[in-house]
């Protein structure tokens, strides 16, 4: 079967992303030559696992967002020590975005930097989380506030893993795919799944290659994420990431319209693409608390100069600082969201 290869061009830190059925069988190509041991970080419900030529052990982490924590990083560090993992060895993260975020941060921290390879098994992980080197965990004050930029040696997106995903998990991935639609205008749903995932990876790779540490253009990848992260936290993560991103993009469109950056027709296009084309929810099912959500949005890691959003506009998607709470209230009103 055809395996698509996408290059993330970062000079000495460049690496490949392999997309295809059975791609996990090529994992040994990413294992460092000096590595004698590999520690696999995964979860018990992950359908595929690598077969490695070097000595390996597997450590399972919890399934829920509460386990995306510094406590889990400490547990993994202890397991690294018990296994005798050295800086020449490798950590392999096998799972969705939570696993690759945690495994990547643990690897970045162990001996101040140990190699990591990611095997993404969810659609969100394949098109977004596993690519680009952003790793991290949550603390009480916010999502992904503690972490590191740590590029993997390679990423494998084995499409066999998608066969076990629920419809909801697939929709979560489509939330990120829809984001790429607005960043590029590409009709991604016109592509077959392998080519679609490879194109999403290519879009992200191009952005990351131009701005590895999010000093500028990479922030565009956060389109829809400001409200999304607030919704996730306010729902105690009962609202999944991709679902929240879809709602967050609708909200961002209304904010942009309130600021006279885009027309009502462009807002309507967001509803059409997200709600009809991608079949995603355009508003939360739950009653919301506006003040709580606005407070959480103030804590967003992009908010270095007041409320900061990634917004559509006459020049396309861009980062906008100093957004007024008045515009947020108008966006909430326009979405007719029920309030506590």
C-alpha atoms as a PDB file:
ATOM      1  CA  UNK A   1       0.000   0.000   0.000  1.00  0.00           C
ATOM      2  CA  UNK A   2       1.093   3.557  -0.700  1.00  0.00           C
ATOM      3  CA  UNK A   3       2.634   5.442   2.204  1.00  0.00           C
ATOM      4  CA  UNK A   4       2.705   9.226   1.828  1.00  0.00           C
ATOM      5  CA  UNK A   5       5.809  10.974   3.130  1.00  0.00           C
ATOM      6  CA  UNK A   6       5.697  14.626   4.204  1.00  0.00           C
ATOM      7  CA  UNK A   7       8.840  16.526   5.221  1.00  0.00           C
ATOM      8  CA  UNK A   8       8.867  18.963   8.134  1.00  0.00           C
ATOM      9  CA  UNK A   9      11.787  21.177   7.114  1.00  0.00           C
ATOM     10  CA  UNK A  10      13.585  22.501  10.191  1.00  0.00           C
ATOM     11  CA  UNK A  11      17.246  22.325   9.251  1.00  0.00           C
ATOM     12  CA  UNK A  12      19.080  19.870  11.516  1.00  0.00           C
ATOM     13  CA  UNK A  13      15.766  19.058  13.228  1.00  0.00           C
ATOM     14  CA  UNK A  14      13.968  18.130   9.992  1.00  0.00           C
ATOM     15  CA  UNK A  15      11.984  14.906   9.979  1.00  0.00           C
ATOM     16  CA  UNK A  16       9.435  12.946   7.982  1.00  0.00           C
ATOM     17  CA  UNK A  17       5.795  12.144   8.643  1.00  0.00           C
ATOM     18  CA  UNK A  18       4.621   8.841   7.154  1.00  0.00           C
ATOM     19  CA  UNK A  19       0.912   8.466   6.371  1.00  0.00           C
ATOM     20  CA  UNK A  20      -0.598   5.178   5.273  1.00  0.00           C
ATOM     21  CA  UNK A  21      -1.927   1.763   6.199  1.00  0.00           C
ATOM     22  CA  UNK A  22       0.733  -0.352   7.911  1.00  0.00           C
ATOM     23  CA  UNK A  23       3.093   2.627   8.263  1.00  0.00           C
ATOM     24  CA  UNK A  24       3.963   1.534  11.811  1.00  0.00           C
ATOM     25  CA  UNK A  25       6.040  -1.270  10.274  1.00  0.00           C
ATOM     26  CA  UNK A  26       8.587   1.375   9.253  1.00  0.00           C
ATOM     27  CA  UNK A  27       9.196   2.606  12.801  1.00  0.00           C
ATOM     28  CA  UNK A  28      12.720   1.181  13.026  1.00  0.00           C
ATOM     29  CA  UNK A  29      13.763   3.713  10.367  1.00  0.00           C
ATOM     30  CA  UNK A  30      13.210   6.447  12.970  1.00  0.00           C
ATOM     31  CA  UNK A  31      14.978   4.777  15.914  1.00  0.00           C
ATOM     32  CA  UNK A  32      18.405   6.359  16.574  1.00  0.00           C
ATOM     33  CA  UNK A  33      21.344   4.139  15.651  1.00  0.00           C
ATOM     34  CA  UNK A  34      22.891   4.507  19.104  1.00  0.00           C
ATOM     35  CA  UNK A  35      19.668   3.636  20.928  1.00  0.00           C
ATOM     36  CA  UNK A  36      19.737   0.414  22.936  1.00  0.00           C
ATOM     37  CA  UNK A  37      16.364   0.836  24.624  1.00  0.00           C
ATOM     38  CA  UNK A  38      12.958   2.204  23.730  1.00  0.00           C
ATOM     39  CA  UNK A  39      10.231   3.094  26.198  1.00  0.00           C
ATOM     40  CA  UNK A  40       6.746   3.160  24.704  1.00  0.00           C
ATOM     41  CA  UNK A  41       4.232   5.564  26.266  1.00  0.00           C
ATOM     42  CA  UNK A  42       0.671   4.603  25.402  1.00  0.00           C
ATOM     43  CA  UNK A  43      -2.802   3.865  26.759  1.00  0.00           C
ATOM     44  CA  UNK A  44      -4.559   0.545  27.248  1.00  0.00           C
ATOM     45  CA  UNK A  45      -7.206   1.226  24.585  1.00  0.00           C
ATOM     46  CA  UNK A  46      -4.765   1.950  21.727  1.00  0.00           C
ATOM     47  CA  UNK A  47      -5.334  -0.575  18.903  1.00  0.00           C
ATOM     48  CA  UNK A  48      -1.827  -0.775  17.426  1.00  0.00           C
ATOM     49  CA  UNK A  49       1.619  -1.049  18.998  1.00  0.00           C
ATOM     50  CA  UNK A  50       5.094  -1.139  17.437  1.00  0.00           C
ATOM     51  CA  UNK A  51       7.358  -4.158  17.148  1.00  0.00           C
ATOM     52  CA  UNK A  52      10.921  -2.994  17.757  1.00  0.00           C
ATOM     53  CA  UNK A  53      14.327  -4.548  17.133  1.00  0.00           C
ATOM     54  CA  UNK A  54      15.829  -3.129  20.338  1.00  0.00           C
ATOM     55  CA  UNK A  55      14.959  -3.798  23.971  1.00  0.00           C
ATOM     56  CA  UNK A  56      11.714  -2.087  24.893  1.00  0.00           C
ATOM     57  CA  UNK A  57       9.157  -1.697  27.638  1.00  0.00           C
ATOM     58  CA  UNK A  58       5.693  -0.163  27.690  1.00  0.00           C
ATOM     59  CA  UNK A  59       4.227   2.286  30.203  1.00  0.00           C
ATOM     60  CA  UNK A  60       0.512   3.029  30.212  1.00  0.00           C
ATOM     61  CA  UNK A  61      -0.905   6.407  31.178  1.00  0.00           C
ATOM     62  CA  UNK A  62      -4.515   7.267  32.030  1.00  0.00           C
ATOM     63  CA  UNK A  63      -7.149   7.932  29.381  1.00  0.00           C
ATOM     64  CA  UNK A  64      -8.760  11.121  30.678  1.00  0.00           C
ATOM     65  CA  UNK A  65      -7.567  14.724  30.500  1.00  0.00           C
ATOM     66  CA  UNK A  66      -6.821  14.800  34.242  1.00  0.00           C
ATOM     67  CA  UNK A  67      -3.847  12.545  33.488  1.00  0.00           C
ATOM     68  CA  UNK A  68      -2.343  15.168  31.180  1.00  0.00           C
ATOM     69  CA  UNK A  69      -0.480  16.515  34.173  1.00  0.00           C
ATOM     70  CA  UNK A  70       2.870  17.061  35.848  1.00  0.00           C
ATOM     71  CA  UNK A  71       2.052  14.076  38.052  1.00  0.00           C
ATOM     72  CA  UNK A  72       2.081  11.879  34.947  1.00  0.00           C
ATOM     73  CA  UNK A  73       5.388  13.410  33.828  1.00  0.00           C
ATOM     74  CA  UNK A  74       6.902  12.589  37.218  1.00  0.00           C
ATOM     75  CA  UNK A  75       5.603   9.015  36.979  1.00  0.00           C
ATOM     76  CA  UNK A  76       7.116   8.614  33.517  1.00  0.00           C
ATOM     77  CA  UNK A  77      10.462  10.026  34.671  1.00  0.00           C
ATOM     78  CA  UNK A  78      10.535   7.428  37.415  1.00  0.00           C
ATOM     79  CA  UNK A  79       9.794   4.694  34.866  1.00  0.00           C
ATOM     80  CA  UNK A  80      12.568   6.057  32.618  1.00  0.00           C
ATOM     81  CA  UNK A  81      14.996   5.790  35.526  1.00  0.00           C
ATOM     82  CA  UNK A  82      13.901   2.256  36.442  1.00  0.00           C
ATOM     83  CA  UNK A  83      14.338   1.126  32.827  1.00  0.00           C
ATOM     84  CA  UNK A  84      17.765   2.753  32.576  1.00  0.00           C
ATOM     85  CA  UNK A  85      16.791   5.035  29.712  1.00  0.00           C
ATOM     86  CA  UNK A  86      19.749   7.149  28.602  1.00  0.00           C
ATOM     87  CA  UNK A  87      19.951  10.249  26.448  1.00  0.00           C
ATOM     88  CA  UNK A  88      20.968   8.014  23.523  1.00  0.00           C
ATOM     89  CA  UNK A  89      17.778   5.954  23.805  1.00  0.00           C
ATOM     90  CA  UNK A  90      14.297   6.799  22.552  1.00  0.00           C
ATOM     91  CA  UNK A  91      10.803   7.446  23.842  1.00  0.00           C
ATOM     92  CA  UNK A  92       7.941   6.386  21.560  1.00  0.00           C
ATOM     93  CA  UNK A  93       4.515   7.941  22.033  1.00  0.00           C
ATOM     94  CA  UNK A  94       1.710   5.765  20.658  1.00  0.00           C
ATOM     95  CA  UNK A  95      -1.773   7.242  20.832  1.00  0.00           C
ATOM     96  CA  UNK A  96      -3.813  10.378  20.282  1.00  0.00           C
ATOM     97  CA  UNK A  97      -2.865  13.970  20.926  1.00  0.00           C
ATOM     98  CA  UNK A  98      -2.836  13.589  24.699  1.00  0.00           C
ATOM     99  CA  UNK A  99      -0.307  10.753  24.517  1.00  0.00           C
ATOM    100  CA  UNK A 100       2.019  12.500  22.091  1.00  0.00           C
ATOM    101  CA  UNK A 101       1.854  15.743  24.112  1.00  0.00           C
ATOM    102  CA  UNK A 102       2.753  13.896  27.324  1.00  0.00           C
ATOM    103  CA  UNK A 103       5.359  11.583  25.807  1.00  0.00           C
ATOM    104  CA  UNK A 104       6.987  14.488  23.986  1.00  0.00           C
ATOM    105  CA  UNK A 105       7.240  16.636  27.107  1.00  0.00           C
ATOM    106  CA  UNK A 106       8.571  13.745  29.159  1.00  0.00           C
ATOM    107  CA  UNK A 107      11.227  13.074  26.503  1.00  0.00           C
ATOM    108  CA  UNK A 108      12.134  16.759  26.288  1.00  0.00           C
ATOM    109  CA  UNK A 109      12.633  16.842  30.060  1.00  0.00           C
ATOM    110  CA  UNK A 110      14.483  13.538  30.553  1.00  0.00           C
ATOM    111  CA  UNK A 111      18.231  14.216  30.716  1.00  0.00           C
ATOM    112  CA  UNK A 112      17.327  17.649  29.256  1.00  0.00           C
ATOM    113  CA  UNK A 113      16.373  16.109  25.936  1.00  0.00           C
ATOM    114  CA  UNK A 114      15.903  12.504  24.832  1.00  0.00           C
ATOM    115  CA  UNK A 115      14.766  11.517  21.340  1.00  0.00           C
ATOM    116  CA  UNK A 116      11.074  10.883  20.742  1.00  0.00           C
ATOM    117  CA  UNK A 117       9.112   9.253  17.914  1.00  0.00           C
ATOM    118  CA  UNK A 118       5.347   9.634  17.652  1.00  0.00           C
ATOM    119  CA  UNK A 119       2.845   7.088  16.357  1.00  0.00           C
ATOM    120  CA  UNK A 120      -0.453   8.959  16.007  1.00  0.00           C
ATOM    121  CA  UNK A 121      -3.552   6.773  16.288  1.00  0.00           C
ATOM    122  CA  UNK A 122      -6.374   9.348  16.283  1.00  0.00           C
ATOM    123  CA  UNK A 123      -7.417  11.715  13.495  1.00  0.00           C
ATOM    124  CA  UNK A 124      -6.707  14.730  15.738  1.00  0.00           C
ATOM    125  CA  UNK A 125      -3.263  13.347  16.485  1.00  0.00           C
ATOM    126  CA  UNK A 126      -2.497  12.686  12.834  1.00  0.00           C
ATOM    127  CA  UNK A 127      -3.544  16.032  11.373  1.00  0.00           C
ATOM    128  CA  UNK A 128      -2.430  18.212  14.268  1.00  0.00           C
ATOM    129  CA  UNK A 129      -1.101  17.186  17.677  1.00  0.00           C
ATOM    130  CA  UNK A 130       1.766  14.854  16.743  1.00  0.00           C
ATOM    131  CA  UNK A 131       3.341  17.210  14.197  1.00  0.00           C
ATOM    132  CA  UNK A 132       5.267  20.375  14.985  1.00  0.00           C
ATOM    133  CA  UNK A 133       7.035  19.687  18.268  1.00  0.00           C
ATOM    134  CA  UNK A 134       4.670  21.392  20.706  1.00  0.00           C
ATOM    135  CA  UNK A 135       4.436  19.293  23.847  1.00  0.00           C
ATOM    136  CA  UNK A 136       2.901  19.986  27.210  1.00  0.00           C
ATOM    137  CA  UNK A 137       0.524  19.300  30.055  1.00  0.00           C
ATOM    138  CA  UNK A 138      -2.257  21.140  31.842  1.00  0.00           C
ATOM    139  CA  UNK A 139      -2.253  22.824  35.239  1.00  0.00           C
ATOM    140  CA  UNK A 140      -5.136  24.313  37.210  1.00  0.00           C
ATOM    141  CA  UNK A 141      -4.650  27.716  35.556  1.00  0.00           C
ATOM    142  CA  UNK A 142      -4.905  26.510  31.980  1.00  0.00           C
ATOM    143  CA  UNK A 143      -4.482  23.987  29.187  1.00  0.00           C
ATOM    144  CA  UNK A 144      -0.982  23.237  27.866  1.00  0.00           C
ATOM    145  CA  UNK A 145       0.598  25.998  29.958  1.00  0.00           C
ATOM    146  CA  UNK A 146       3.628  23.875  30.909  1.00  0.00           C
ATOM    147  CA  UNK A 147       5.598  22.279  28.111  1.00  0.00           C
ATOM    148  CA  UNK A 148       8.426  22.524  25.618  1.00  0.00           C
ATOM    149  CA  UNK A 149       9.121  22.717  21.921  1.00  0.00           C
ATOM    150  CA  UNK A 150      10.682  19.329  21.207  1.00  0.00           C
ATOM    151  CA  UNK A 151      10.667  18.026  17.656  1.00  0.00           C
ATOM    152  CA  UNK A 152      10.321  14.268  17.150  1.00  0.00           C
ATOM    153  CA  UNK A 153      12.689  12.202  15.044  1.00  0.00           C
ATOM    154  CA  UNK A 154       9.689  11.190  12.987  1.00  0.00           C
ATOM    155  CA  UNK A 155       5.932  10.744  13.038  1.00  0.00           C
ATOM    156  CA  UNK A 156       3.927   7.757  11.868  1.00  0.00           C
ATOM    157  CA  UNK A 157       0.228   8.039  11.016  1.00  0.00           C
ATOM    158  CA  UNK A 158      -0.929   4.453  10.578  1.00  0.00           C
ATOM    159  CA  UNK A 159      -4.427   4.597   9.118  1.00  0.00           C
ATOM    160  CA  UNK A 160      -5.217   1.101  10.411  1.00  0.00           C
ATOM    161  CA  UNK A 161      -5.744   2.735  13.816  1.00  0.00           C
ATOM    162  CA  UNK A 162      -8.613   4.861  12.488  1.00  0.00           C
ATOM    163  CA  UNK A 163     -10.729   1.768  11.884  1.00  0.00           C
ATOM    164  CA  UNK A 164     -11.434   1.461  15.618  1.00  0.00           C
ATOM    165  CA  UNK A 165     -12.318   5.122  16.254  1.00  0.00           C
ATOM    166  CA  UNK A 166     -15.863   6.065  17.199  1.00  0.00           C
ATOM    167  CA  UNK A 167     -17.837   8.502  15.068  1.00  0.00           C
ATOM    168  CA  UNK A 168     -17.369  11.135  17.757  1.00  0.00           C
ATOM    169  CA  UNK A 169     -13.589  10.698  17.710  1.00  0.00           C
ATOM    170  CA  UNK A 170     -13.595  11.038  13.934  1.00  0.00           C
ATOM    171  CA  UNK A 171     -15.694  14.216  14.189  1.00  0.00           C
ATOM    172  CA  UNK A 172     -13.156  15.592  16.642  1.00  0.00           C
ATOM    173  CA  UNK A 173     -10.481  15.156  14.019  1.00  0.00           C
ATOM    174  CA  UNK A 174     -12.679  16.825  11.431  1.00  0.00           C
ATOM    175  CA  UNK A 175     -12.746  19.931  13.630  1.00  0.00           C
ATOM    176  CA  UNK A 176      -9.029  20.360  12.991  1.00  0.00           C
ATOM    177  CA  UNK A 177      -9.424  19.470   9.305  1.00  0.00           C
ATOM    178  CA  UNK A 178     -12.052  22.216   8.989  1.00  0.00           C
ATOM    179  CA  UNK A 179      -9.532  24.624  10.514  1.00  0.00           C
ATOM    180  CA  UNK A 180      -7.132  23.903   7.662  1.00  0.00           C
ATOM    181  CA  UNK A 181      -9.983  24.578   5.236  1.00  0.00           C
ATOM    182  CA  UNK A 182     -10.232  28.148   6.515  1.00  0.00           C
ATOM    183  CA  UNK A 183      -6.465  28.618   6.611  1.00  0.00           C
ATOM    184  CA  UNK A 184      -6.026  27.580   2.969  1.00  0.00           C
ATOM    185  CA  UNK A 185      -9.402  27.336   1.229  1.00  0.00           C
ATOM    186  CA  UNK A 186      -8.572  23.748   0.221  1.00  0.00           C
ATOM    187  CA  UNK A 187     -11.478  21.370  -0.377  1.00  0.00           C
ATOM    188  CA  UNK A 188      -9.976  18.697   1.841  1.00  0.00           C
ATOM    189  CA  UNK A 189     -13.052  16.485   1.856  1.00  0.00           C
ATOM    190  CA  UNK A 190     -12.602  15.992  -1.888  1.00  0.00           C
ATOM    191  CA  UNK A 191      -9.478  13.950  -1.127  1.00  0.00           C
ATOM    192  CA  UNK A 192      -9.333  10.298  -0.108  1.00  0.00           C
ATOM    193  CA  UNK A 193      -8.426   9.826   3.559  1.00  0.00           C
ATOM    194  CA  UNK A 194      -4.677   9.105   3.118  1.00  0.00           C
ATOM    195  CA  UNK A 195      -4.204  12.113   0.831  1.00  0.00           C
ATOM    196  CA  UNK A 196      -6.414  14.279   3.070  1.00  0.00           C
ATOM    197  CA  UNK A 197      -4.345  13.546   6.165  1.00  0.00           C
ATOM    198  CA  UNK A 198      -1.102  14.016   4.225  1.00  0.00           C
ATOM    199  CA  UNK A 199      -2.319  17.386   2.938  1.00  0.00           C
ATOM    200  CA  UNK A 200      -3.256  18.526   6.463  1.00  0.00           C
ATOM    201  CA  UNK A 201       0.198  17.495   7.655  1.00  0.00           C
ATOM    202  CA  UNK A 202       1.754  19.359   4.728  1.00  0.00           C
ATOM    203  CA  UNK A 203      -0.178  22.538   5.589  1.00  0.00           C
ATOM    204  CA  UNK A 204       0.932  22.371   9.209  1.00  0.00           C
ATOM    205  CA  UNK A 205       4.497  21.446   8.251  1.00  0.00           C
ATOM    206  CA  UNK A 206       4.784  24.507   6.013  1.00  0.00           C
ATOM    207  CA  UNK A 207       3.572  26.789   8.811  1.00  0.00           C
ATOM    208  CA  UNK A 208       5.834  25.173  11.420  1.00  0.00           C
ATOM    209  CA  UNK A 209       8.851  25.321   9.112  1.00  0.00           C
ATOM    210  CA  UNK A 210       8.376  29.084   8.797  1.00  0.00           C
ATOM    211  CA  UNK A 211       7.776  29.685  12.523  1.00  0.00           C
ATOM    212  CA  UNK A 212       8.890  26.794  14.712  1.00  0.00           C
ATOM    213  CA  UNK A 213       8.405  28.503  18.095  1.00  0.00           C
ATOM    214  CA  UNK A 214       5.200  30.393  17.416  1.00  0.00           C
ATOM    215  CA  UNK A 215       6.656  33.889  17.287  1.00  0.00           C
ATOM    216  CA  UNK A 216       4.382  34.807  14.391  1.00  0.00           C
ATOM    217  CA  UNK A 217       2.583  32.805  11.724  1.00  0.00           C
ATOM    218  CA  UNK A 218       2.360  29.535  13.641  1.00  0.00           C
ATOM    219  CA  UNK A 219      -0.236  31.092  15.938  1.00  0.00           C
ATOM    220  CA  UNK A 220      -2.672  30.854  13.014  1.00  0.00           C
ATOM    221  CA  UNK A 221      -2.928  27.146  13.813  1.00  0.00           C
ATOM    222  CA  UNK A 222      -4.860  28.222  16.898  1.00  0.00           C
ATOM    223  CA  UNK A 223      -7.857  29.369  14.847  1.00  0.00           C
ATOM    224  CA  UNK A 224     -10.928  28.576  16.932  1.00  0.00           C
ATOM    225  CA  UNK A 225      -8.833  27.465  19.905  1.00  0.00           C
ATOM    226  CA  UNK A 226      -9.255  30.445  22.242  1.00  0.00           C
ATOM    227  CA  UNK A 227     -12.887  29.705  23.040  1.00  0.00           C
ATOM    228  CA  UNK A 228     -12.271  25.979  22.446  1.00  0.00           C
ATOM    229  CA  UNK A 229      -9.826  25.643  25.327  1.00  0.00           C
ATOM    230  CA  UNK A 230     -12.181  27.635  27.584  1.00  0.00           C
ATOM    231  CA  UNK A 231     -15.099  25.380  26.650  1.00  0.00           C
ATOM    232  CA  UNK A 232     -13.050  22.272  27.336  1.00  0.00           C
ATOM    233  CA  UNK A 233     -12.060  23.473  30.786  1.00  0.00           C
ATOM    234  CA  UNK A 234     -15.501  24.815  31.740  1.00  0.00           C
ATOM    235  CA  UNK A 235     -17.054  21.448  30.818  1.00  0.00           C
ATOM    236  CA  UNK A 236     -14.372  19.586  32.789  1.00  0.00           C
ATOM    237  CA  UNK A 237     -13.242  18.251  29.407  1.00  0.00           C
ATOM    238  CA  UNK A 238     -16.580  16.576  28.722  1.00  0.00           C
ATOM    239  CA  UNK A 239     -16.536  18.583  25.479  1.00  0.00           C
ATOM    240  CA  UNK A 240     -13.925  17.032  23.214  1.00  0.00           C
ATOM    241  CA  UNK A 241     -11.190  19.151  21.645  1.00  0.00           C
ATOM    242  CA  UNK A 242     -12.258  18.926  18.007  1.00  0.00           C
ATOM    243  CA  UNK A 243     -15.881  19.647  18.887  1.00  0.00           C
ATOM    244  CA  UNK A 244     -14.788  22.697  20.866  1.00  0.00           C
ATOM    245  CA  UNK A 245     -12.577  23.925  18.005  1.00  0.00           C
ATOM    246  CA  UNK A 246     -15.544  23.766  15.610  1.00  0.00           C
ATOM    247  CA  UNK A 247     -17.648  25.913  17.961  1.00  0.00           C
ATOM    248  CA  UNK A 248     -14.633  28.142  18.569  1.00  0.00           C
ATOM    249  CA  UNK A 249     -14.292  28.914  14.861  1.00  0.00           C
ATOM    250  CA  UNK A 250     -17.976  29.881  14.680  1.00  0.00           C
ATOM    251  CA  UNK A 251     -17.449  32.144  17.686  1.00  0.00           C
ATOM    252  CA  UNK A 252     -14.315  33.655  16.138  1.00  0.00           C
ATOM    253  CA  UNK A 253     -16.273  34.397  12.958  1.00  0.00           C
ATOM    254  CA  UNK A 254     -18.909  36.264  14.987  1.00  0.00           C
ATOM    255  CA  UNK A 255     -16.199  38.194  16.857  1.00  0.00           C
ATOM    256  CA  UNK A 256     -14.622  39.158  13.527  1.00  0.00           C
ATOM    257  CA  UNK A 257     -18.006  40.262  12.210  1.00  0.00           C
ATOM    258  CA  UNK A 258     -18.653  42.304  15.355  1.00  0.00           C
ATOM    259  CA  UNK A 259     -15.321  44.043  14.761  1.00  0.00           C
ATOM    260  CA  UNK A 260     -16.340  44.670  11.118  1.00  0.00           C
ATOM    261  CA  UNK A 261     -13.482  42.531   9.862  1.00  0.00           C
ATOM    262  CA  UNK A 262     -15.699  40.184   7.814  1.00  0.00           C
ATOM    263  CA  UNK A 263     -19.163  40.260   6.268  1.00  0.00           C
ATOM    264  CA  UNK A 264     -22.241  38.344   7.358  1.00  0.00           C
ATOM    265  CA  UNK A 265     -21.801  36.250   4.222  1.00  0.00           C
ATOM    266  CA  UNK A 266     -18.404  35.095   5.502  1.00  0.00           C
ATOM    267  CA  UNK A 267     -19.981  34.198   8.860  1.00  0.00           C
ATOM    268  CA  UNK A 268     -22.616  32.227   6.983  1.00  0.00           C
ATOM    269  CA  UNK A 269     -19.836  30.414   5.125  1.00  0.00           C
ATOM    270  CA  UNK A 270     -18.397  29.295   8.472  1.00  0.00           C
ATOM    271  CA  UNK A 271     -21.769  27.813   9.403  1.00  0.00           C
ATOM    272  CA  UNK A 272     -22.051  26.110   6.017  1.00  0.00           C
ATOM    273  CA  UNK A 273     -18.550  24.606   6.041  1.00  0.00           C
ATOM    274  CA  UNK A 274     -18.476  23.574   9.702  1.00  0.00           C
ATOM    275  CA  UNK A 275     -22.114  22.590  10.172  1.00  0.00           C
ATOM    276  CA  UNK A 276     -23.087  21.232   6.770  1.00  0.00           C
ATOM    277  CA  UNK A 277     -19.916  20.215   4.933  1.00  0.00           C
ATOM    278  CA  UNK A 278     -18.115  18.751   7.946  1.00  0.00           C
ATOM    279  CA  UNK A 279     -21.226  17.836   9.931  1.00  0.00           C
ATOM    280  CA  UNK A 280     -19.999  19.380  13.185  1.00  0.00           C
ATOM    281  CA  UNK A 281     -21.881  21.099  15.978  1.00  0.00           C
ATOM    282  CA  UNK A 282     -21.896  24.884  15.704  1.00  0.00           C
ATOM    283  CA  UNK A 283     -22.839  25.580  19.338  1.00  0.00           C
ATOM    284  CA  UNK A 284     -22.468  23.770  22.670  1.00  0.00           C
ATOM    285  CA  UNK A 285     -25.278  21.576  23.912  1.00  0.00           C
ATOM    286  CA  UNK A 286     -24.756  22.802  27.445  1.00  0.00           C
ATOM    287  CA  UNK A 287     -25.844  26.090  29.002  1.00  0.00           C
ATOM    288  CA  UNK A 288     -22.774  28.312  29.256  1.00  0.00           C
ATOM    289  CA  UNK A 289     -21.393  30.785  31.780  1.00  0.00           C
ATOM    290  CA  UNK A 290     -20.176  33.775  29.777  1.00  0.00           C
ATOM    291  CA  UNK A 291     -18.162  35.351  32.577  1.00  0.00           C
ATOM    292  CA  UNK A 292     -16.402  32.088  33.306  1.00  0.00           C
ATOM    293  CA  UNK A 293     -15.556  31.573  29.636  1.00  0.00           C
ATOM    294  CA  UNK A 294     -14.295  35.142  29.227  1.00  0.00           C
ATOM    295  CA  UNK A 295     -12.152  34.713  32.337  1.00  0.00           C
ATOM    296  CA  UNK A 296     -10.678  31.519  30.936  1.00  0.00           C
ATOM    297  CA  UNK A 297     -10.011  33.197  27.589  1.00  0.00           C
ATOM    298  CA  UNK A 298      -8.008  35.870  29.430  1.00  0.00           C
ATOM    299  CA  UNK A 299      -5.738  33.019  30.635  1.00  0.00           C
ATOM    300  CA  UNK A 300      -5.106  31.756  27.106  1.00  0.00           C
ATOM    301  CA  UNK A 301      -1.376  31.480  26.415  1.00  0.00           C
ATOM    302  CA  UNK A 302      -1.693  33.770  23.354  1.00  0.00           C
ATOM    303  CA  UNK A 303      -3.074  36.573  25.552  1.00  0.00           C
ATOM    304  CA  UNK A 304       0.114  38.623  25.913  1.00  0.00           C
ATOM    305  CA  UNK A 305      -1.625  41.939  25.182  1.00  0.00           C
ATOM    306  CA  UNK A 306      -5.187  41.709  26.450  1.00  0.00           C
ATOM    307  CA  UNK A 307      -7.648  39.277  24.925  1.00  0.00           C
ATOM    308  CA  UNK A 308      -6.000  37.791  21.848  1.00  0.00           C
ATOM    309  CA  UNK A 309      -7.788  35.888  19.093  1.00  0.00           C
ATOM    310  CA  UNK A 310      -6.963  34.401  15.726  1.00  0.00           C
ATOM    311  CA  UNK A 311      -9.550  36.069  13.507  1.00  0.00           C
ATOM    312  CA  UNK A 312     -10.641  36.143   9.906  1.00  0.00           C
ATOM    313  CA  UNK A 313     -10.357  39.446   8.084  1.00  0.00           C
ATOM    314  CA  UNK A 314      -9.796  41.207   4.769  1.00  0.00           C
ATOM    315  CA  UNK A 315      -6.227  39.858   4.655  1.00  0.00           C
ATOM    316  CA  UNK A 316      -7.236  36.371   5.751  1.00  0.00           C
ATOM    317  CA  UNK A 317      -6.700  34.679   9.118  1.00  0.00           C
ATOM    318  CA  UNK A 318      -4.413  36.635  11.466  1.00  0.00           C
ATOM    319  CA  UNK A 319      -3.649  37.210  15.153  1.00  0.00           C
ATOM    320  CA  UNK A 320      -5.512  40.145  16.710  1.00  0.00           C
ATOM    321  CA  UNK A 321      -4.672  41.469  20.178  1.00  0.00           C
ATOM    322  CA  UNK A 322      -6.637  43.763  22.446  1.00  0.00           C
ATOM    323  CA  UNK A 323     -10.072  42.363  21.551  1.00  0.00           C
ATOM    324  CA  UNK A 324     -12.794  44.075  23.589  1.00  0.00           C
ATOM    325  CA  UNK A 325     -15.092  42.057  25.842  1.00  0.00           C
ATOM    326  CA  UNK A 326     -17.924  43.965  24.156  1.00  0.00           C
ATOM    327  CA  UNK A 327     -17.184  42.095  20.929  1.00  0.00           C
ATOM    328  CA  UNK A 328     -17.226  38.797  22.800  1.00  0.00           C
ATOM    329  CA  UNK A 329     -20.620  39.618  24.285  1.00  0.00           C
ATOM    330  CA  UNK A 330     -21.932  40.514  20.845  1.00  0.00           C
ATOM    331  CA  UNK A 331     -20.620  37.208  19.492  1.00  0.00           C
ATOM    332  CA  UNK A 332     -22.311  35.287  22.304  1.00  0.00           C
ATOM    333  CA  UNK A 333     -25.558  37.140  21.533  1.00  0.00           C
ATOM    334  CA  UNK A 334     -25.289  36.405  17.818  1.00  0.00           C
ATOM    335  CA  UNK A 335     -24.819  32.694  18.512  1.00  0.00           C
ATOM    336  CA  UNK A 336     -27.879  32.769  20.816  1.00  0.00           C
ATOM    337  CA  UNK A 337     -26.091  30.786  23.457  1.00  0.00           C
ATOM    338  CA  UNK A 338     -28.084  29.974  26.573  1.00  0.00           C
ATOM    339  CA  UNK A 339     -26.471  31.374  29.701  1.00  0.00           C
ATOM    340  CA  UNK A 340     -26.494  30.177  33.284  1.00  0.00           C
END
